[in-house]
Amino acid sequence: MDLPLTPAGLLGHGLRLRPWHEDDVQTLLRGVTDPEYLRWNTHNVPVDDEEGAAELLRQRALGWARGEFATYCVTDESTAAVLGHVGLNSINWPLRCARVGYWTLPEARGRGVAGHALELITRWAFDEIGLHRMELGHAVGHDVSCRVAERGGYPAEGTLRGAMFGAGRRDTFRDLHLHARLATD
């Protein structure tokens, strides 16, 4: 794959995946400051205001240009309402491997949005950009994320001890369940 990555609009299951835009700052901020999101995720750099969300968007745009990650805003295909996020992170081109992550806004939960978005980005990553392996990690105890991973064809591979920050902290760590899927699965 030649760098940079070119964002592609992905469609399916009533969803449209599109790159995040500068005017999505408030929606992104609402997503990454949601209490349920924060229960399971801690950013390396705090994102707790519009300035932090705008910087996160800038970093995502740079990541696309560098071929380091590919992050999508998940929207309703018919209304364009933002429903959540799905993205590839830590793309390792020599190994053709990446980490995938997702989240949904509160009003989109329980509707299969995360699973369908995961399916769309997985198909794109394997078929269009040529990845071989995609890994998915979630905090131990995050049963909803575990079910999304398993339904999406990402079987559990094990537990990584102390592999992610504790909830809302950068001085404690917790275990992570690792799931993965191969292009040959």
N, C-alpha and C. Protein backbone atom coordinates (compact mmCIF):
# COMPACT_ATOMS: atom_id res chain seq x y z
N MET A 1 0.84 -1.19 0.00
CA MET A 1 0.00 0.00 0.00
C MET A 1 0.87 1.24 0.00
N ASP A 2 0.61 2.13 -0.92
CA ASP A 2 1.32 3.40 -0.95
C ASP A 2 0.68 4.36 0.04
N LEU A 3 1.51 5.17 0.64
CA LEU A 3 1.02 6.19 1.56
C LEU A 3 0.85 7.48 0.78
N PRO A 4 0.00 8.37 1.13
CA PRO A 4 -0.94 8.27 2.25
C PRO A 4 -2.17 7.44 1.90
N LEU A 5 -2.92 7.10 2.92
CA LEU A 5 -4.20 6.42 2.72
C LEU A 5 -5.21 7.42 2.18
N THR A 6 -6.04 6.97 1.29
CA THR A 6 -7.09 7.82 0.76
C THR A 6 -8.41 7.40 1.39
N PRO A 7 -9.06 8.31 2.13
CA PRO A 7 -10.35 7.96 2.74
C PRO A 7 -11.37 7.56 1.68
N ALA A 8 -12.07 6.50 1.96
CA ALA A 8 -13.13 6.03 1.07
C ALA A 8 -14.44 6.09 1.82
N GLY A 9 -15.51 6.53 1.16
CA GLY A 9 -16.82 6.47 1.78
C GLY A 9 -17.30 5.03 1.78
N LEU A 10 -17.63 4.50 2.93
CA LEU A 10 -18.06 3.11 3.05
C LEU A 10 -19.54 3.08 3.40
N LEU A 11 -20.30 2.25 2.68
CA LEU A 11 -21.75 2.16 2.87
C LEU A 11 -22.17 0.73 3.14
N GLY A 12 -23.19 0.59 3.99
CA GLY A 12 -23.80 -0.71 4.22
C GLY A 12 -24.60 -0.72 5.49
N HIS A 13 -25.62 -1.56 5.54
CA HIS A 13 -26.46 -1.73 6.74
C HIS A 13 -27.10 -0.42 7.18
N GLY A 14 -27.36 0.48 6.25
CA GLY A 14 -27.96 1.76 6.59
C GLY A 14 -26.97 2.76 7.17
N LEU A 15 -25.67 2.44 7.09
CA LEU A 15 -24.62 3.32 7.62
C LEU A 15 -23.78 3.89 6.49
N ARG A 16 -23.25 5.05 6.75
CA ARG A 16 -22.23 5.66 5.88
C ARG A 16 -21.05 5.99 6.78
N LEU A 17 -19.89 5.46 6.43
CA LEU A 17 -18.66 5.80 7.13
C LEU A 17 -17.95 6.84 6.29
N ARG A 18 -17.63 7.95 6.93
CA ARG A 18 -16.94 9.04 6.24
C ARG A 18 -15.85 9.57 7.16
N PRO A 19 -14.85 10.24 6.60
CA PRO A 19 -13.83 10.84 7.47
C PRO A 19 -14.47 11.88 8.39
N TRP A 20 -13.85 12.07 9.54
CA TRP A 20 -14.29 13.13 10.44
C TRP A 20 -13.96 14.48 9.81
N HIS A 21 -14.82 15.47 10.02
CA HIS A 21 -14.62 16.82 9.49
C HIS A 21 -14.36 17.80 10.63
N GLU A 22 -13.83 18.95 10.27
CA GLU A 22 -13.58 20.00 11.27
C GLU A 22 -14.85 20.42 11.99
N ASP A 23 -15.99 20.38 11.29
CA ASP A 23 -17.23 20.81 11.93
C ASP A 23 -17.85 19.73 12.82
N ASP A 24 -17.17 18.60 13.01
CA ASP A 24 -17.63 17.53 13.89
C ASP A 24 -17.09 17.67 15.31
N VAL A 25 -16.42 18.77 15.63
CA VAL A 25 -15.75 18.92 16.92
C VAL A 25 -16.70 18.66 18.09
N GLN A 26 -17.85 19.30 18.12
CA GLN A 26 -18.75 19.15 19.26
C GLN A 26 -19.29 17.73 19.38
N THR A 27 -19.57 17.09 18.26
CA THR A 27 -20.07 15.72 18.29
C THR A 27 -18.99 14.77 18.77
N LEU A 28 -17.78 14.94 18.27
CA LEU A 28 -16.66 14.12 18.74
C LEU A 28 -16.45 14.30 20.23
N LEU A 29 -16.47 15.55 20.68
CA LEU A 29 -16.30 15.83 22.10
C LEU A 29 -17.38 15.14 22.93
N ARG A 30 -18.61 15.19 22.45
CA ARG A 30 -19.71 14.53 23.17
C ARG A 30 -19.46 13.03 23.27
N GLY A 31 -18.94 12.44 22.20
CA GLY A 31 -18.67 11.00 22.22
C GLY A 31 -17.56 10.61 23.17
N VAL A 32 -16.44 11.34 23.15
CA VAL A 32 -15.28 10.94 23.95
C VAL A 32 -15.34 11.45 25.39
N THR A 33 -16.39 12.21 25.73
CA THR A 33 -16.59 12.60 27.13
C THR A 33 -17.83 11.94 27.74
N ASP A 34 -18.48 11.08 26.98
CA ASP A 34 -19.63 10.33 27.48
C ASP A 34 -19.18 9.44 28.64
N PRO A 35 -19.91 9.41 29.75
CA PRO A 35 -19.49 8.60 30.90
C PRO A 35 -19.27 7.12 30.59
N GLU A 36 -20.10 6.53 29.75
CA GLU A 36 -19.91 5.12 29.41
C GLU A 36 -18.63 4.92 28.59
N TYR A 37 -18.35 5.84 27.67
CA TYR A 37 -17.09 5.79 26.92
C TYR A 37 -15.91 5.89 27.89
N LEU A 38 -15.97 6.85 28.81
CA LEU A 38 -14.86 7.08 29.73
C LEU A 38 -14.68 5.93 30.71
N ARG A 39 -15.71 5.17 30.95
CA ARG A 39 -15.61 4.00 31.82
C ARG A 39 -14.62 2.98 31.25
N TRP A 40 -14.52 2.94 29.91
CA TRP A 40 -13.71 1.91 29.26
C TRP A 40 -12.49 2.44 28.52
N ASN A 41 -12.39 3.74 28.33
CA ASN A 41 -11.33 4.32 27.50
C ASN A 41 -10.68 5.52 28.17
N THR A 42 -9.37 5.61 28.05
CA THR A 42 -8.62 6.76 28.53
C THR A 42 -7.62 7.15 27.43
N HIS A 43 -7.76 8.35 26.92
CA HIS A 43 -6.86 8.82 25.87
C HIS A 43 -5.47 9.08 26.45
N ASN A 44 -4.46 8.94 25.61
CA ASN A 44 -3.10 9.27 26.04
C ASN A 44 -2.99 10.73 26.43
N VAL A 45 -3.66 11.58 25.68
CA VAL A 45 -3.72 13.01 25.95
C VAL A 45 -5.18 13.34 26.24
N PRO A 46 -5.46 14.04 27.34
CA PRO A 46 -6.86 14.33 27.67
C PRO A 46 -7.59 15.07 26.55
N VAL A 47 -8.83 14.68 26.33
CA VAL A 47 -9.71 15.35 25.38
C VAL A 47 -10.97 15.68 26.17
N ASP A 48 -10.99 16.91 26.74
CA ASP A 48 -12.12 17.27 27.59
C ASP A 48 -12.72 18.64 27.28
N ASP A 49 -12.31 19.21 26.14
CA ASP A 49 -12.90 20.47 25.71
C ASP A 49 -12.81 20.56 24.18
N GLU A 50 -13.41 21.60 23.61
CA GLU A 50 -13.42 21.73 22.15
C GLU A 50 -12.02 21.83 21.57
N GLU A 51 -11.13 22.48 22.27
CA GLU A 51 -9.74 22.59 21.78
C GLU A 51 -9.10 21.21 21.69
N GLY A 52 -9.30 20.38 22.70
CA GLY A 52 -8.76 19.02 22.68
C GLY A 52 -9.37 18.18 21.58
N ALA A 53 -10.68 18.33 21.36
CA ALA A 53 -11.36 17.58 20.30
C ALA A 53 -10.88 18.05 18.93
N ALA A 54 -10.68 19.35 18.77
CA ALA A 54 -10.17 19.88 17.49
C ALA A 54 -8.76 19.35 17.22
N GLU A 55 -7.95 19.26 18.26
CA GLU A 55 -6.59 18.72 18.09
C GLU A 55 -6.65 17.23 17.73
N LEU A 56 -7.57 16.50 18.34
CA LEU A 56 -7.74 15.09 18.00
C LEU A 56 -8.11 14.94 16.52
N LEU A 57 -9.00 15.80 16.04
CA LEU A 57 -9.36 15.77 14.62
C LEU A 57 -8.16 16.09 13.73
N ARG A 58 -7.35 17.05 14.13
CA ARG A 58 -6.14 17.39 13.35
C ARG A 58 -5.19 16.19 13.31
N GLN A 59 -5.02 15.53 14.44
CA GLN A 59 -4.14 14.37 14.49
C GLN A 59 -4.66 13.23 13.62
N ARG A 60 -5.98 13.07 13.59
CA ARG A 60 -6.57 12.03 12.74
C ARG A 60 -6.33 12.34 11.27
N ALA A 61 -6.45 13.59 10.88
CA ALA A 61 -6.19 13.97 9.49
C ALA A 61 -4.72 13.71 9.14
N LEU A 62 -3.82 14.04 10.05
CA LEU A 62 -2.40 13.77 9.82
C LEU A 62 -2.14 12.27 9.73
N GLY A 63 -2.83 11.50 10.57
CA GLY A 63 -2.68 10.04 10.54
C GLY A 63 -3.08 9.44 9.21
N TRP A 64 -4.18 9.98 8.64
CA TRP A 64 -4.57 9.54 7.29
C TRP A 64 -3.43 9.83 6.31
N ALA A 65 -2.92 11.05 6.35
CA ALA A 65 -1.89 11.47 5.39
C ALA A 65 -0.61 10.65 5.53
N ARG A 66 -0.30 10.24 6.74
CA ARG A 66 0.91 9.45 6.99
C ARG A 66 0.68 7.95 6.83
N GLY A 67 -0.57 7.53 6.67
CA GLY A 67 -0.87 6.11 6.57
C GLY A 67 -0.76 5.38 7.89
N GLU A 68 -0.87 6.13 9.00
CA GLU A 68 -0.74 5.54 10.33
C GLU A 68 -2.06 5.01 10.88
N PHE A 69 -3.13 5.65 10.50
CA PHE A 69 -4.45 5.19 10.91
C PHE A 69 -5.51 5.72 9.96
N ALA A 70 -6.69 5.11 10.07
CA ALA A 70 -7.82 5.47 9.21
C ALA A 70 -9.06 5.51 10.10
N THR A 71 -9.52 6.71 10.39
CA THR A 71 -10.62 6.86 11.34
C THR A 71 -11.86 7.39 10.63
N TYR A 72 -12.98 6.78 10.96
CA TYR A 72 -14.24 7.12 10.31
C TYR A 72 -15.28 7.58 11.31
N CYS A 73 -16.05 8.56 10.88
CA CYS A 73 -17.26 8.99 11.56
C CYS A 73 -18.38 8.09 11.04
N VAL A 74 -19.07 7.42 11.93
CA VAL A 74 -20.16 6.53 11.53
C VAL A 74 -21.45 7.33 11.55
N THR A 75 -22.14 7.37 10.40
CA THR A 75 -23.37 8.15 10.29
C THR A 75 -24.51 7.29 9.76
N ASP A 76 -25.72 7.76 10.01
CA ASP A 76 -26.91 7.14 9.43
C ASP A 76 -26.93 7.52 7.96
N GLU A 77 -27.06 6.53 7.08
CA GLU A 77 -26.99 6.79 5.65
C GLU A 77 -28.10 7.72 5.17
N SER A 78 -29.30 7.61 5.73
CA SER A 78 -30.41 8.41 5.23
C SER A 78 -30.50 9.79 5.87
N THR A 79 -30.12 9.93 7.13
CA THR A 79 -30.26 11.23 7.80
C THR A 79 -28.95 11.97 7.99
N ALA A 80 -27.82 11.28 7.83
CA ALA A 80 -26.48 11.82 8.07
C ALA A 80 -26.20 12.09 9.54
N ALA A 81 -27.08 11.66 10.43
CA ALA A 81 -26.85 11.83 11.87
C ALA A 81 -25.62 11.03 12.28
N VAL A 82 -24.76 11.64 13.09
CA VAL A 82 -23.57 10.95 13.58
C VAL A 82 -24.00 9.94 14.64
N LEU A 83 -23.49 8.71 14.51
CA LEU A 83 -23.83 7.63 15.42
C LEU A 83 -22.64 7.16 16.25
N GLY A 84 -21.43 7.39 15.75
CA GLY A 84 -20.26 6.92 16.48
C GLY A 84 -18.99 7.00 15.65
N HIS A 85 -18.08 6.10 15.97
CA HIS A 85 -16.73 6.12 15.40
C HIS A 85 -16.26 4.68 15.19
N VAL A 86 -15.49 4.48 14.14
CA VAL A 86 -14.75 3.23 13.95
C VAL A 86 -13.45 3.60 13.26
N GLY A 87 -12.37 2.95 13.64
CA GLY A 87 -11.11 3.32 13.02
C GLY A 87 -10.03 2.28 13.18
N LEU A 88 -9.07 2.36 12.26
CA LEU A 88 -7.85 1.57 12.34
C LEU A 88 -6.78 2.44 12.98
N ASN A 89 -6.07 1.87 13.91
CA ASN A 89 -5.00 2.57 14.61
C ASN A 89 -3.73 1.73 14.51
N SER A 90 -2.61 2.37 14.73
CA SER A 90 -1.33 1.66 14.78
C SER A 90 -1.13 0.73 13.58
N ILE A 91 -1.36 1.26 12.39
CA ILE A 91 -1.18 0.44 11.20
C ILE A 91 0.30 0.12 11.03
N ASN A 92 0.60 -1.16 10.94
CA ASN A 92 1.96 -1.64 10.74
C ASN A 92 2.01 -2.21 9.32
N TRP A 93 2.50 -1.40 8.38
CA TRP A 93 2.49 -1.80 6.97
C TRP A 93 3.37 -3.00 6.67
N PRO A 94 4.59 -3.11 7.23
CA PRO A 94 5.38 -4.30 6.92
C PRO A 94 4.68 -5.61 7.32
N LEU A 95 4.00 -5.60 8.46
CA LEU A 95 3.27 -6.80 8.90
C LEU A 95 1.83 -6.85 8.38
N ARG A 96 1.39 -5.76 7.74
CA ARG A 96 0.01 -5.65 7.24
C ARG A 96 -0.99 -5.93 8.36
N CYS A 97 -0.77 -5.24 9.48
CA CYS A 97 -1.58 -5.42 10.69
C CYS A 97 -2.01 -4.06 11.22
N ALA A 98 -3.16 -4.01 11.87
CA ALA A 98 -3.64 -2.78 12.50
C ALA A 98 -4.52 -3.13 13.68
N ARG A 99 -4.75 -2.15 14.54
CA ARG A 99 -5.71 -2.26 15.64
C ARG A 99 -6.99 -1.57 15.21
N VAL A 100 -8.13 -2.14 15.54
CA VAL A 100 -9.41 -1.53 15.21
C VAL A 100 -10.12 -1.19 16.52
N GLY A 101 -10.82 -0.06 16.51
CA GLY A 101 -11.59 0.36 17.68
C GLY A 101 -12.88 1.02 17.23
N TYR A 102 -13.84 1.10 18.15
CA TYR A 102 -15.14 1.66 17.82
C TYR A 102 -15.81 2.17 19.09
N TRP A 103 -16.73 3.08 18.89
CA TRP A 103 -17.63 3.52 19.96
C TRP A 103 -18.89 4.09 19.33
N THR A 104 -19.96 4.13 20.11
CA THR A 104 -21.21 4.71 19.63
C THR A 104 -21.70 5.75 20.62
N LEU A 105 -22.42 6.72 20.10
CA LEU A 105 -23.07 7.71 20.95
C LEU A 105 -24.22 7.04 21.71
N PRO A 106 -24.60 7.58 22.85
CA PRO A 106 -25.65 6.93 23.66
C PRO A 106 -26.92 6.62 22.89
N GLU A 107 -27.37 7.53 22.03
CA GLU A 107 -28.63 7.32 21.32
C GLU A 107 -28.53 6.24 20.23
N ALA A 108 -27.31 5.80 19.90
CA ALA A 108 -27.13 4.78 18.87
C ALA A 108 -26.87 3.39 19.45
N ARG A 109 -26.74 3.29 20.76
CA ARG A 109 -26.40 2.01 21.38
C ARG A 109 -27.57 1.03 21.31
N GLY A 110 -27.24 -0.24 21.21
CA GLY A 110 -28.24 -1.28 21.19
C GLY A 110 -28.90 -1.49 19.84
N ARG A 111 -28.37 -0.87 18.79
CA ARG A 111 -28.95 -0.95 17.45
C ARG A 111 -28.06 -1.68 16.46
N GLY A 112 -26.96 -2.25 16.93
CA GLY A 112 -26.04 -2.96 16.04
C GLY A 112 -25.09 -2.07 15.27
N VAL A 113 -25.03 -0.79 15.62
CA VAL A 113 -24.19 0.16 14.88
C VAL A 113 -22.72 -0.23 14.94
N ALA A 114 -22.21 -0.52 16.13
CA ALA A 114 -20.79 -0.86 16.27
C ALA A 114 -20.45 -2.10 15.46
N GLY A 115 -21.27 -3.12 15.54
CA GLY A 115 -21.01 -4.36 14.79
C GLY A 115 -21.02 -4.16 13.29
N HIS A 116 -21.99 -3.39 12.81
CA HIS A 116 -22.06 -3.13 11.36
C HIS A 116 -20.88 -2.26 10.90
N ALA A 117 -20.52 -1.26 11.70
CA ALA A 117 -19.37 -0.42 11.35
C ALA A 117 -18.09 -1.25 11.35
N LEU A 118 -17.97 -2.15 12.31
CA LEU A 118 -16.81 -3.04 12.37
C LEU A 118 -16.75 -3.91 11.11
N GLU A 119 -17.88 -4.43 10.69
CA GLU A 119 -17.93 -5.25 9.47
C GLU A 119 -17.47 -4.45 8.25
N LEU A 120 -17.95 -3.22 8.12
CA LEU A 120 -17.59 -2.39 6.96
C LEU A 120 -16.10 -2.08 6.92
N ILE A 121 -15.54 -1.68 8.06
CA ILE A 121 -14.12 -1.31 8.05
C ILE A 121 -13.24 -2.54 7.91
N THR A 122 -13.69 -3.68 8.43
CA THR A 122 -12.92 -4.92 8.29
C THR A 122 -12.84 -5.33 6.83
N ARG A 123 -13.98 -5.31 6.16
CA ARG A 123 -14.00 -5.66 4.74
C ARG A 123 -13.10 -4.72 3.94
N TRP A 124 -13.19 -3.42 4.20
CA TRP A 124 -12.35 -2.44 3.51
C TRP A 124 -10.87 -2.69 3.78
N ALA A 125 -10.52 -2.94 5.04
CA ALA A 125 -9.11 -3.13 5.40
C ALA A 125 -8.51 -4.36 4.73
N PHE A 126 -9.27 -5.44 4.66
CA PHE A 126 -8.76 -6.65 4.03
C PHE A 126 -8.80 -6.55 2.50
N ASP A 127 -9.94 -6.13 1.96
CA ASP A 127 -10.14 -6.18 0.51
C ASP A 127 -9.54 -5.00 -0.25
N GLU A 128 -9.54 -3.83 0.37
CA GLU A 128 -9.10 -2.64 -0.36
C GLU A 128 -7.69 -2.19 -0.03
N ILE A 129 -7.29 -2.26 1.22
CA ILE A 129 -5.94 -1.78 1.54
C ILE A 129 -4.96 -2.90 1.83
N GLY A 130 -5.44 -4.14 1.82
CA GLY A 130 -4.54 -5.28 1.86
C GLY A 130 -3.97 -5.68 3.20
N LEU A 131 -4.67 -5.37 4.29
CA LEU A 131 -4.18 -5.84 5.58
C LEU A 131 -4.35 -7.36 5.68
N HIS A 132 -3.52 -7.97 6.51
CA HIS A 132 -3.59 -9.41 6.75
C HIS A 132 -4.21 -9.72 8.11
N ARG A 133 -3.93 -8.89 9.12
CA ARG A 133 -4.39 -9.14 10.48
C ARG A 133 -4.93 -7.85 11.08
N MET A 134 -6.07 -8.00 11.75
CA MET A 134 -6.62 -6.87 12.50
C MET A 134 -6.84 -7.31 13.93
N GLU A 135 -6.34 -6.50 14.84
CA GLU A 135 -6.48 -6.79 16.27
C GLU A 135 -7.49 -5.84 16.89
N LEU A 136 -8.15 -6.31 17.90
CA LEU A 136 -9.17 -5.54 18.59
C LEU A 136 -8.97 -5.78 20.08
N GLY A 137 -8.79 -4.73 20.83
CA GLY A 137 -8.60 -4.86 22.28
C GLY A 137 -9.64 -4.08 23.03
N HIS A 138 -10.10 -4.64 24.13
CA HIS A 138 -11.05 -3.94 25.00
C HIS A 138 -10.73 -4.27 26.45
N ALA A 139 -11.12 -3.41 27.34
CA ALA A 139 -10.88 -3.63 28.76
C ALA A 139 -11.58 -4.91 29.22
N VAL A 140 -10.89 -5.67 30.05
CA VAL A 140 -11.51 -6.85 30.65
C VAL A 140 -12.75 -6.37 31.41
N GLY A 141 -13.85 -7.05 31.20
CA GLY A 141 -15.11 -6.67 31.83
C GLY A 141 -16.05 -5.92 30.92
N HIS A 142 -15.55 -5.46 29.78
CA HIS A 142 -16.41 -4.73 28.83
C HIS A 142 -17.11 -5.77 27.95
N ASP A 143 -18.13 -6.38 28.51
CA ASP A 143 -18.81 -7.50 27.86
C ASP A 143 -19.49 -7.12 26.55
N VAL A 144 -20.01 -5.90 26.46
CA VAL A 144 -20.67 -5.47 25.22
C VAL A 144 -19.65 -5.43 24.08
N SER A 145 -18.49 -4.86 24.33
CA SER A 145 -17.46 -4.79 23.29
C SER A 145 -16.98 -6.20 22.93
N CYS A 146 -16.91 -7.07 23.91
CA CYS A 146 -16.49 -8.45 23.66
C CYS A 146 -17.48 -9.14 22.72
N ARG A 147 -18.77 -8.93 22.95
CA ARG A 147 -19.78 -9.55 22.07
C ARG A 147 -19.71 -8.97 20.66
N VAL A 148 -19.50 -7.67 20.53
CA VAL A 148 -19.36 -7.06 19.20
C VAL A 148 -18.17 -7.70 18.47
N ALA A 149 -17.06 -7.85 19.17
CA ALA A 149 -15.86 -8.44 18.56
C ALA A 149 -16.13 -9.87 18.10
N GLU A 150 -16.69 -10.67 18.96
CA GLU A 150 -16.92 -12.08 18.62
C GLU A 150 -17.94 -12.23 17.49
N ARG A 151 -19.02 -11.45 17.52
CA ARG A 151 -20.00 -11.51 16.44
C ARG A 151 -19.41 -11.04 15.12
N GLY A 152 -18.39 -10.16 15.20
CA GLY A 152 -17.74 -9.64 14.01
C GLY A 152 -16.65 -10.55 13.46
N GLY A 153 -16.51 -11.75 14.04
CA GLY A 153 -15.51 -12.69 13.55
C GLY A 153 -14.13 -12.49 14.14
N TYR A 154 -14.06 -11.82 15.28
CA TYR A 154 -12.80 -11.58 15.97
C TYR A 154 -12.76 -12.45 17.23
N PRO A 155 -12.27 -13.68 17.14
CA PRO A 155 -12.22 -14.53 18.33
C PRO A 155 -11.21 -14.00 19.35
N ALA A 156 -11.49 -14.30 20.60
CA ALA A 156 -10.56 -13.91 21.67
C ALA A 156 -9.28 -14.71 21.54
N GLU A 157 -8.16 -14.03 21.73
CA GLU A 157 -6.86 -14.69 21.68
C GLU A 157 -6.19 -14.75 23.04
N GLY A 158 -6.62 -13.90 23.96
CA GLY A 158 -6.01 -13.94 25.28
C GLY A 158 -6.15 -12.62 26.01
N THR A 159 -5.50 -12.55 27.14
CA THR A 159 -5.53 -11.37 27.99
C THR A 159 -4.13 -10.78 28.07
N LEU A 160 -4.03 -9.49 27.81
CA LEU A 160 -2.77 -8.77 27.96
C LEU A 160 -2.81 -8.06 29.31
N ARG A 161 -1.92 -8.46 30.20
CA ARG A 161 -1.93 -7.90 31.55
C ARG A 161 -1.41 -6.46 31.55
N GLY A 162 -2.14 -5.58 32.25
CA GLY A 162 -1.71 -4.19 32.41
C GLY A 162 -1.44 -3.48 31.10
N ALA A 163 -2.24 -3.75 30.09
CA ALA A 163 -1.96 -3.23 28.75
C ALA A 163 -2.70 -1.95 28.40
N MET A 164 -3.53 -1.45 29.31
CA MET A 164 -4.22 -0.19 29.02
C MET A 164 -4.39 0.59 30.32
N PHE A 165 -4.60 1.90 30.17
CA PHE A 165 -4.79 2.74 31.35
C PHE A 165 -6.05 2.34 32.10
N GLY A 166 -6.03 2.58 33.41
CA GLY A 166 -7.24 2.44 34.20
C GLY A 166 -8.22 3.52 33.81
N ALA A 167 -9.48 3.35 34.15
CA ALA A 167 -10.53 4.30 33.76
C ALA A 167 -10.22 5.69 34.28
N GLY A 168 -10.04 6.63 33.33
CA GLY A 168 -9.81 8.02 33.69
C GLY A 168 -8.47 8.31 34.34
N ARG A 169 -7.53 7.39 34.25
CA ARG A 169 -6.23 7.56 34.93
C ARG A 169 -5.10 7.21 33.98
N ARG A 170 -3.98 7.80 34.23
CA ARG A 170 -2.78 7.48 33.47
C ARG A 170 -1.67 6.99 34.38
N ASP A 171 -2.02 6.70 35.63
CA ASP A 171 -1.04 6.20 36.60
C ASP A 171 -1.37 4.79 37.09
N THR A 172 -2.45 4.21 36.57
CA THR A 172 -2.80 2.82 36.88
C THR A 172 -3.13 2.11 35.57
N PHE A 173 -3.06 0.81 35.62
CA PHE A 173 -3.27 0.02 34.41
C PHE A 173 -4.26 -1.10 34.68
N ARG A 174 -4.87 -1.57 33.60
CA ARG A 174 -5.78 -2.70 33.70
C ARG A 174 -5.55 -3.64 32.53
N ASP A 175 -6.14 -4.81 32.66
CA ASP A 175 -5.95 -5.83 31.65
C ASP A 175 -6.84 -5.59 30.44
N LEU A 176 -6.40 -6.14 29.32
CA LEU A 176 -7.08 -5.97 28.04
C LEU A 176 -7.32 -7.34 27.43
N HIS A 177 -8.51 -7.57 26.92
CA HIS A 177 -8.78 -8.78 26.13
C HIS A 177 -8.40 -8.50 24.69
N LEU A 178 -7.62 -9.39 24.12
CA LEU A 178 -7.20 -9.25 22.73
C LEU A 178 -7.99 -10.20 21.85
N HIS A 179 -8.57 -9.66 20.81
CA HIS A 179 -9.27 -10.42 19.77
C HIS A 179 -8.54 -10.13 18.47
N ALA A 180 -8.66 -11.02 17.49
CA ALA A 180 -8.02 -10.75 16.20
C ALA A 180 -8.77 -11.50 15.10
N ARG A 181 -8.60 -10.97 13.90
CA ARG A 181 -9.18 -11.60 12.71
C ARG A 181 -8.14 -11.51 11.60
N LEU A 182 -8.05 -12.58 10.82
CA LEU A 182 -7.13 -12.61 9.69
C LEU A 182 -7.90 -12.49 8.39
N ALA A 183 -7.24 -12.00 7.38
CA ALA A 183 -7.89 -11.91 6.06
C ALA A 183 -8.29 -13.29 5.55
N THR A 184 -7.62 -14.31 6.03
CA THR A 184 -7.90 -15.68 5.60
C THR A 184 -9.00 -16.37 6.41
N ASP A 185 -9.51 -15.70 7.44
CA ASP A 185 -10.59 -16.29 8.26
C ASP A 185 -11.88 -16.38 7.49
